[in-house]
Protein backbone atom coordinates (compact mmCIF):
# COMPACT_ATOMS: atom_id res chain seq x y z
CA LEU A 1 14.69 -8.01 -12.63
CA LEU A 2 16.51 -4.98 -11.73
CA GLY A 3 20.37 -6.29 -11.14
CA LYS A 4 21.88 -8.50 -8.90
CA THR A 5 24.87 -7.70 -6.18
CA HIS A 6 27.46 -9.61 -4.93
CA ASP A 7 29.25 -7.30 -2.86
CA PRO A 8 27.86 -5.57 0.03
CA ALA A 9 25.89 -2.79 -0.69
CA PHE A 10 26.19 -1.13 2.52
CA LYS A 11 28.72 -1.04 5.39
CA TRP A 12 27.91 0.99 8.97
CA LYS A 13 31.21 0.52 11.25
CA PHE A 14 30.28 1.84 14.98
CA TYR A 15 32.99 3.17 16.79
CA GLY A 16 32.17 3.18 20.83
CA PHE A 17 29.28 0.52 19.93
CA SER A 18 28.65 0.25 24.47
CA ALA A 19 27.52 3.40 24.40
CA LEU A 20 24.21 2.51 22.68
CA LEU A 21 24.15 0.14 25.69
CA ASP A 22 24.39 3.00 28.55
CA ARG A 23 21.28 4.96 27.30
CA VAL A 24 17.86 4.13 26.00
CA ALA A 25 17.18 0.85 24.58
CA VAL A 26 15.88 2.44 20.98
CA SER A 27 16.73 1.27 17.66
CA ALA A 28 19.20 3.24 15.55
CA ASN A 29 18.99 4.31 11.88
CA SER A 30 21.56 4.74 9.07
CA ALA A 31 22.15 7.64 6.58
CA LEU A 32 20.68 6.44 3.21
CA PHE A 33 22.74 4.29 0.52
CA HIS A 34 21.88 3.75 -3.15
CA CYS A 35 21.74 0.28 -4.63
CA CYS A 36 19.88 -1.28 -7.64
CA GLY A 37 18.17 2.02 -8.33
CA TYR A 38 16.57 2.70 -5.28
CA SER A 39 17.16 4.76 -1.86
CA TRP A 40 17.85 2.39 1.80
CA PHE A 41 18.65 2.69 5.20
CA LEU A 42 19.77 0.13 7.90
CA GLN A 43 18.43 -0.25 11.20
CA VAL A 44 20.22 -1.69 14.53
CA SER A 45 18.59 -2.69 17.31
CA SER A 46 20.87 -3.75 20.51
CA MET A 47 18.83 -5.07 22.74
CA HIS A 48 15.69 -6.74 20.74
CA LYS A 49 13.94 -9.11 22.35
CA LYS A 50 11.69 -11.80 20.76
CA SER A 51 8.15 -12.58 21.41
CA GLY A 52 7.94 -14.75 24.92
CA ASP A 53 11.85 -14.48 25.24
CA GLU A 54 13.61 -12.14 27.34
CA ILE A 55 17.08 -12.62 25.52
CA PRO A 56 18.44 -9.45 24.10
CA TYR A 57 19.85 -9.97 20.49
CA VAL A 58 21.63 -7.39 18.39
CA ALA A 59 18.83 -7.23 15.04
CA LEU A 60 18.78 -5.63 11.74
CA CYS A 61 16.21 -4.03 10.10
CA LEU A 62 16.21 -3.48 6.35
CA SER A 63 14.23 -0.20 4.77
CA VAL A 64 13.87 1.53 1.56
CA LYS A 65 12.32 5.12 1.01
CA ARG A 66 9.16 5.68 1.03
CA ASN A 67 8.46 8.20 -1.58
CA ILE A 68 10.23 6.70 -4.41
CA LEU A 69 7.61 3.62 -4.72
CA LYS A 70 4.66 3.30 -5.34
CA PRO A 71 1.67 1.80 -4.00
CA ALA A 72 1.21 -2.12 -4.27
CA SER A 73 4.19 -2.70 -6.36
CA TYR A 74 6.72 -4.19 -4.10
CA ASN A 75 7.11 -6.53 -1.29
CA PHE A 76 8.39 -3.01 0.06
CA TYR A 77 5.33 -0.65 -0.75
CA VAL A 78 4.13 2.54 0.42
CA LYS A 79 2.84 1.24 3.54
CA LYS A 80 5.04 -1.16 4.16
CA THR A 81 8.61 -0.45 3.74
CA HIS A 82 10.68 -2.04 6.68
CA SER A 83 11.76 -5.76 6.65
CA GLU A 84 11.37 -7.81 9.70
CA LYS A 85 14.03 -7.56 12.08
CA MET A 86 16.51 -9.97 12.06
CA CYS A 87 18.22 -11.75 15.30
CA LEU A 88 21.63 -11.88 14.66
CA ILE A 89 23.30 -12.95 17.75
CA PRO A 90 22.49 -12.14 21.47
CA LEU A 91 23.66 -9.36 22.75
CA GLU A 92 25.73 -11.22 25.83
CA GLN A 93 27.44 -13.30 23.00
CA LEU A 94 28.62 -10.14 21.28
CA LEU A 95 29.95 -8.64 24.03
CA LYS A 96 32.02 -11.29 24.99
CA SER A 97 33.43 -11.86 21.26
CA SER A 98 37.00 -10.87 19.98
CA ASP A 99 35.57 -11.43 16.64
CA TYR A 100 32.58 -8.97 15.96
CA LEU A 101 33.58 -6.47 18.93
CA VAL A 102 37.30 -4.97 18.43
CA ASP A 103 38.24 -2.11 20.55
CA ASP A 104 34.50 -1.45 21.40
CA SER A 105 34.11 -1.47 17.82
CA CYS A 106 31.47 -3.33 15.62
CA VAL A 107 30.04 -3.27 11.57
CA PHE A 108 27.13 -4.69 10.08
CA ARG A 109 26.64 -4.83 6.48
CA VAL A 110 23.81 -5.30 4.14
CA ARG A 111 23.96 -7.38 0.92
CA ILE A 112 21.13 -6.72 -1.24
CA LEU A 113 20.96 -9.99 -3.94
CA LYS A 114 18.73 -8.45 -6.28
CA ALA A 115 15.85 -6.38 -6.32
CA ASP A 116 12.32 -7.56 -8.22
CA VAL A 117 9.76 -5.01 -9.27
CA SER A 118 6.51 -6.66 -11.30
CA SER A 119 6.09 -3.70 -12.55
CA GLN A 120 9.02 -3.54 -15.21
CA ASN A 121 8.40 -4.57 -18.36
CA LYS A 122 12.13 -5.27 -18.61
CA PRO A 123 15.24 -6.03 -16.77
CA ILE A 124 16.62 -2.90 -16.32
CA VAL A 125 20.53 -3.32 -16.02
CA ILE A 126 22.04 -1.57 -12.52
CA SER A 127 25.94 -1.11 -13.08
CA ASN A 128 27.98 -2.34 -10.16
CA LYS A 129 28.99 0.75 -7.72
CA PRO A 130 31.66 0.50 -4.63
CA ILE A 131 30.34 0.05 -1.35
CA THR A 132 28.64 2.52 0.64
CA VAL A 133 30.32 2.84 3.84
CA GLN A 134 29.44 5.23 6.86
CA ASN A 135 31.19 5.70 10.31
CA ILE A 136 29.71 6.13 13.74
CA LEU A 137 31.61 7.65 16.49
CA LEU A 138 29.33 7.45 19.30
CA GLN A 139 30.34 9.73 22.78
CA LYS A 140 29.66 8.64 26.23
CA LYS A 141 30.06 11.89 27.24
CA GLY A 142 29.75 16.00 26.86
CA PHE A 143 26.23 15.85 24.92
CA ILE A 144 24.63 18.89 23.31
CA LYS A 145 21.40 18.46 24.20
CA GLY A 146 17.95 20.69 23.36
CA THR A 147 14.44 21.23 24.23
CA TYR A 148 11.53 22.80 22.21
CA THR A 149 7.78 23.40 23.27
CA TRP A 150 5.73 24.13 20.93
CA THR A 151 1.97 25.23 21.26
CA MET A 152 -0.70 25.70 19.41
CA ASP A 153 -4.24 26.40 20.47
CA ASN A 154 -5.96 26.60 16.99
CA PHE A 155 -5.28 22.36 16.54
CA LEU A 156 -8.87 21.51 15.38
CA ASP A 157 -9.01 24.13 12.72
CA MET A 158 -5.48 22.42 11.22
CA ARG A 159 -5.97 19.96 7.98
CA LEU A 160 -2.77 20.77 6.44
CA GLN A 161 0.95 19.88 7.22
CA VAL A 162 2.29 22.54 9.75
CA LEU A 163 5.97 23.24 10.52
CA SER A 164 7.11 24.76 13.93
CA PRO A 165 9.10 28.11 14.40
CA ALA A 166 12.31 27.00 13.89
CA PHE A 167 14.63 26.08 17.34
CA GLU A 168 18.63 25.87 17.31
CA VAL A 169 20.28 22.75 19.06
CA GLY A 170 24.07 22.39 19.12
CA GLY A 171 24.22 25.17 16.82
CA HIS A 172 21.84 24.10 13.86
CA LYS A 173 18.49 25.37 12.99
CA TRP A 174 15.73 22.91 13.70
CA HIS A 175 11.58 22.63 13.27
CA ILE A 176 8.94 20.18 13.52
CA LYS A 177 7.06 19.26 10.91
CA MET A 178 3.44 17.93 11.96
CA TYR A 179 0.80 16.25 9.73
CA PRO A 180 -2.41 16.78 12.14
CA ILE A 181 -4.71 14.07 9.89
CA GLY A 182 -1.52 12.18 8.97
CA ASP A 183 0.85 12.02 5.71
CA ARG A 184 0.14 9.44 2.95
CA TYR A 185 2.29 6.78 4.60
CA SER A 186 -0.31 6.83 8.14
CA THR A 187 -3.05 4.84 9.03
CA ASN A 188 -5.45 7.09 11.31
CA SER A 189 -2.69 8.38 12.89
CA LEU A 190 -0.62 11.85 13.22
CA SER A 191 2.13 12.23 11.71
CA LEU A 192 5.11 13.88 13.65
CA TYR A 193 8.70 14.60 12.20
CA LEU A 194 12.06 16.53 13.43
CA HIS A 195 13.77 18.45 10.16
CA LEU A 196 17.13 19.74 10.07
CA HIS A 197 16.62 23.34 8.84
CA ASP A 198 20.07 24.27 7.64
CA LEU A 199 21.18 20.55 6.18
CA LYS A 200 23.18 22.09 3.37
CA LYS A 201 25.23 23.92 6.01
CA LEU A 202 26.61 20.61 7.20
CA PRO A 203 30.35 19.83 6.06
CA LEU A 204 29.76 17.23 3.09
CA GLU A 205 30.49 13.78 3.79
CA SER A 206 29.72 14.29 7.48
CA GLY A 207 26.54 14.38 10.12
CA MET A 208 25.53 13.64 12.86
CA MET A 209 23.37 10.94 14.92
CA ILE A 210 20.58 12.21 17.31
CA GLU A 211 18.77 10.64 19.58
CA LEU A 212 15.34 11.88 19.17
CA THR A 213 12.09 11.73 21.25
CA LEU A 214 8.92 13.60 20.96
CA SER A 215 6.35 13.92 22.69
CA ILE A 216 2.25 15.29 22.90
CA LEU A 217 2.03 16.33 26.64
CA ASP A 218 -0.95 15.30 28.44
CA GLN A 219 -2.30 18.57 29.77
CA LYS A 220 -4.46 16.69 32.60
CA HIS A 221 -2.50 13.83 34.25
CA GLY A 222 1.33 14.26 32.94
CA LYS A 223 1.19 10.71 31.30
CA HIS A 224 2.87 12.10 27.87
CA HIS A 225 2.92 10.17 24.71
CA THR A 226 6.49 10.03 23.83
CA VAL A 227 8.71 7.86 21.30
CA THR A 228 12.20 7.65 21.12
CA GLY A 229 14.55 6.87 18.11
CA ARG A 230 18.14 7.47 17.21
CA PHE A 231 18.82 8.71 13.39
CA VAL A 232 21.48 10.40 11.52
CA PHE A 233 21.55 13.84 9.89
CA ALA A 234 23.30 14.26 7.52
CA ILE A 235 23.60 15.98 3.26
CA THR A 236 23.19 12.16 2.35
CA ALA A 237 20.67 11.41 4.49
CA LYS A 238 17.31 12.20 4.39
CA SER A 239 16.06 15.69 6.09
CA GLY A 240 13.50 14.40 8.32
CA TRP A 241 13.39 11.73 10.76
CA GLY A 242 10.11 10.82 12.77
CA TRP A 243 7.17 8.93 12.68
CA SER A 244 4.06 8.33 10.07
CA ASN A 245 1.73 6.65 12.63
CA PHE A 246 3.36 8.94 15.79
CA ILE A 247 -0.40 8.43 17.54
CA PRO A 248 -3.48 7.18 16.37
CA LEU A 249 -6.23 9.91 16.00
CA LYS A 250 -8.76 8.17 18.01
CA THR A 251 -6.15 8.42 20.77
CA LEU A 252 -5.27 11.55 20.18
CA MET A 253 -8.87 13.11 20.64
CA ASP A 254 -10.08 11.37 23.38
CA PRO A 255 -10.57 14.18 26.00
CA SER A 256 -9.97 11.97 28.63
CA ARG A 257 -6.51 11.42 27.55
CA GLY A 258 -5.52 15.19 27.93
CA TYR A 259 -3.80 15.55 24.56
CA LEU A 260 -6.22 17.94 23.61
CA VAL A 261 -8.09 20.94 25.50
CA GLY A 262 -10.31 22.26 24.01
CA SER A 263 -8.12 23.32 20.38
CA ASN A 264 -4.81 23.54 23.02
CA CYS A 265 -2.52 21.05 21.94
CA ILE A 266 1.52 20.64 23.33
CA LEU A 267 4.71 18.99 21.39
CA LYS A 268 8.13 18.96 22.50
CA ALA A 269 10.89 17.75 20.98
CA ASP A 270 13.98 16.29 23.28
CA ALA A 271 17.08 16.26 20.73
CA THR A 272 20.43 14.81 22.18
CA ILE A 273 23.81 14.85 19.94
CA ILE A 274 25.20 11.21 20.73
CA GLY A 275 27.69 11.11 17.93
CA SER A 276 29.16 12.07 14.56
CA SER A 277 28.79 10.61 11.66
CA ASN A 278 30.91 10.37 8.02
CA ASP A 279 31.55 8.55 4.66
CA GLY A 280 34.03 5.92 4.91
């Protein structure tokens, strides 16, 4: 038993919540917060649908940072870092509520009651810490956008992680990090991430929410493989966000799919700054 908390460990306040609904229906991921000796982040899905149900729900998912875990020691473990999505309330009910949605603002919170670690020989006492509060101010217009295309002509020769040349979006330098045969968290898949190259140049206790689409281009048929998400880049957050299981290697290597033509592979990053973040 590492410790117990009776107050919320984390509060995430959205200002301009309806802006999430005006764009593509993808989840938003918070910056990291700390509780019970671990680093976590919260995922909010504003239009999640249960299996076999067409009613959209607002759902939450709690995740633990991967690189602090050891294999097979936890219910959250190296390849299972996300909880199940919990459907809190139908979206329509939330939008009609004057209690949960006030002036287009909505607050989500997480309370971690305890963390049991089976590998510990004796209890570790965690002192009480103040609640972490993060604020997100979402924009509805005036977005800063950027696109970068990375062409590789020697993909089949790559085995270790590779960084793209740096590119600029919103006055900041970024790069794509690729693991051609997957990182240690993947399952027979290519891993792909966007990293903020100059993270330390962000103002202290502030950040930005990025709507990110990473793509592998189909060079034969134009049916590109794309994945989209929303992430907070901040000094207190992870420097990179993306997907460990971006595309199965079997699919990537299939000549009929057009993702590889010889050893030529083309990746594309579309990044849009949709809001600002600060610690409350």
